[in-house]
């Protein structure tokens, strides 16, 4: 039997607006630790303190991205899934280089 964390890790993303972003993270060995329609968190085994977070409210998509080689993170908001997804993917690609 899989633990709740393992089930979240392998479960398809619930918010289909971020399915392409989910593929980018999973192809690079990252996984979801939170998988809700309005809240998604990606991290990587061994570096769980580095998290990419997406949180939705009624009017905006809020994202938090870790700063490379730092214990700090940057937060910003967007009005659309597309803008937020593009931003997170760009920051993620910079982060893993």
Protein backbone atom coordinates (compact mmCIF):
# COMPACT_ATOMS: atom_id res chain seq x y z
CA UNK A 1 0.00 0.00 0.00
CA UNK A 2 1.31 3.42 -0.97
CA UNK A 3 1.64 6.20 1.60
CA UNK A 4 -0.38 9.38 1.11
CA UNK A 5 2.79 11.21 -0.01
CA UNK A 6 3.57 8.51 -2.58
CA UNK A 7 0.01 8.64 -3.87
CA UNK A 8 0.24 12.45 -4.31
CA UNK A 9 3.58 12.03 -6.07
CA UNK A 10 2.28 9.68 -8.78
CA UNK A 11 -1.27 11.02 -9.03
CA UNK A 12 -2.16 12.91 -12.24
CA UNK A 13 -2.34 16.65 -11.72
CA UNK A 14 -5.84 17.69 -10.67
CA UNK A 15 -5.75 21.17 -12.22
CA UNK A 16 -5.56 20.46 -15.94
CA UNK A 17 -4.55 24.08 -16.61
CA UNK A 18 -1.06 23.10 -15.46
CA UNK A 19 -0.73 19.69 -17.12
CA UNK A 20 2.12 20.84 -19.40
CA UNK A 21 3.98 22.34 -16.45
CA UNK A 22 3.51 19.08 -14.53
CA UNK A 23 5.17 17.23 -17.41
CA UNK A 24 8.18 19.58 -17.33
CA UNK A 25 8.69 18.97 -13.61
CA UNK A 26 8.21 15.20 -13.74
CA UNK A 27 10.53 14.82 -16.76
CA UNK A 28 13.25 16.42 -14.63
CA UNK A 29 12.74 14.19 -11.58
CA UNK A 30 10.53 16.53 -9.55
CA UNK A 31 7.21 15.51 -7.99
CA UNK A 32 4.08 16.99 -6.48
CA UNK A 33 3.78 17.18 -2.70
CA UNK A 34 0.49 19.08 -2.91
CA UNK A 35 -1.97 18.40 -5.71
CA UNK A 36 -5.21 20.31 -5.30
CA UNK A 37 -7.28 22.25 -7.82
CA UNK A 38 -6.24 25.54 -6.19
CA UNK A 39 -2.80 24.65 -4.74
CA UNK A 40 0.13 22.78 -6.30
CA UNK A 41 3.63 22.32 -4.90
CA UNK A 42 6.53 20.66 -6.73
CA UNK A 43 9.77 19.57 -5.07
CA UNK A 44 12.57 17.06 -5.60
CA UNK A 45 13.61 14.19 -3.34
CA UNK A 46 16.69 15.21 -1.41
CA UNK A 47 16.07 18.94 -1.77
CA UNK A 48 12.58 19.26 -0.31
CA UNK A 49 13.31 22.80 0.89
CA UNK A 50 13.30 23.94 -2.75
CA UNK A 51 9.66 24.19 -3.77
CA UNK A 52 7.80 25.69 -6.70
CA UNK A 53 4.33 26.62 -5.50
CA UNK A 54 1.18 27.67 -7.35
CA UNK A 55 -1.85 28.93 -5.46
CA UNK A 56 -5.07 30.14 -7.07
CA UNK A 57 -7.70 32.47 -5.70
CA UNK A 58 -10.74 33.94 -7.44
CA UNK A 59 -8.83 36.55 -9.43
CA UNK A 60 -5.14 35.64 -9.56
CA UNK A 61 -2.58 32.87 -9.83
CA UNK A 62 0.09 33.29 -7.16
CA UNK A 63 3.46 31.61 -7.64
CA UNK A 64 6.44 31.13 -5.35
CA UNK A 65 9.77 30.10 -6.86
CA UNK A 66 12.97 29.30 -4.94
CA UNK A 67 16.08 31.36 -5.57
CA UNK A 68 18.98 29.24 -6.74
CA UNK A 69 21.68 28.61 -4.11
CA UNK A 70 19.62 30.43 -1.48
CA UNK A 71 17.16 29.69 1.28
CA UNK A 72 14.89 32.46 -0.03
CA UNK A 73 12.03 32.41 -2.51
CA UNK A 74 10.36 34.97 -4.78
CA UNK A 75 6.61 35.46 -4.96
CA UNK A 76 4.54 37.10 -7.69
CA UNK A 77 1.03 36.94 -9.13
CA UNK A 78 -0.57 36.69 -12.56
CA UNK A 79 -4.05 37.10 -14.00
CA UNK A 80 -3.89 34.01 -16.22
CA UNK A 81 -2.84 30.37 -16.05
CA UNK A 82 -0.79 30.83 -19.21
CA UNK A 83 1.30 33.70 -17.84
CA UNK A 84 1.87 31.91 -14.55
CA UNK A 85 2.77 28.63 -16.25
CA UNK A 86 5.22 30.30 -18.64
CA UNK A 87 6.86 32.19 -15.76
CA UNK A 88 7.23 29.11 -13.56
CA UNK A 89 8.64 27.05 -16.44
CA UNK A 90 11.23 29.75 -17.25
CA UNK A 91 12.27 30.06 -13.59
CA UNK A 92 12.42 26.26 -13.26
CA UNK A 93 14.66 25.91 -16.31
CA UNK A 94 16.98 28.59 -14.88
CA UNK A 95 16.92 26.88 -11.48
CA UNK A 96 17.97 23.43 -12.72
CA UNK A 97 20.85 24.67 -14.91
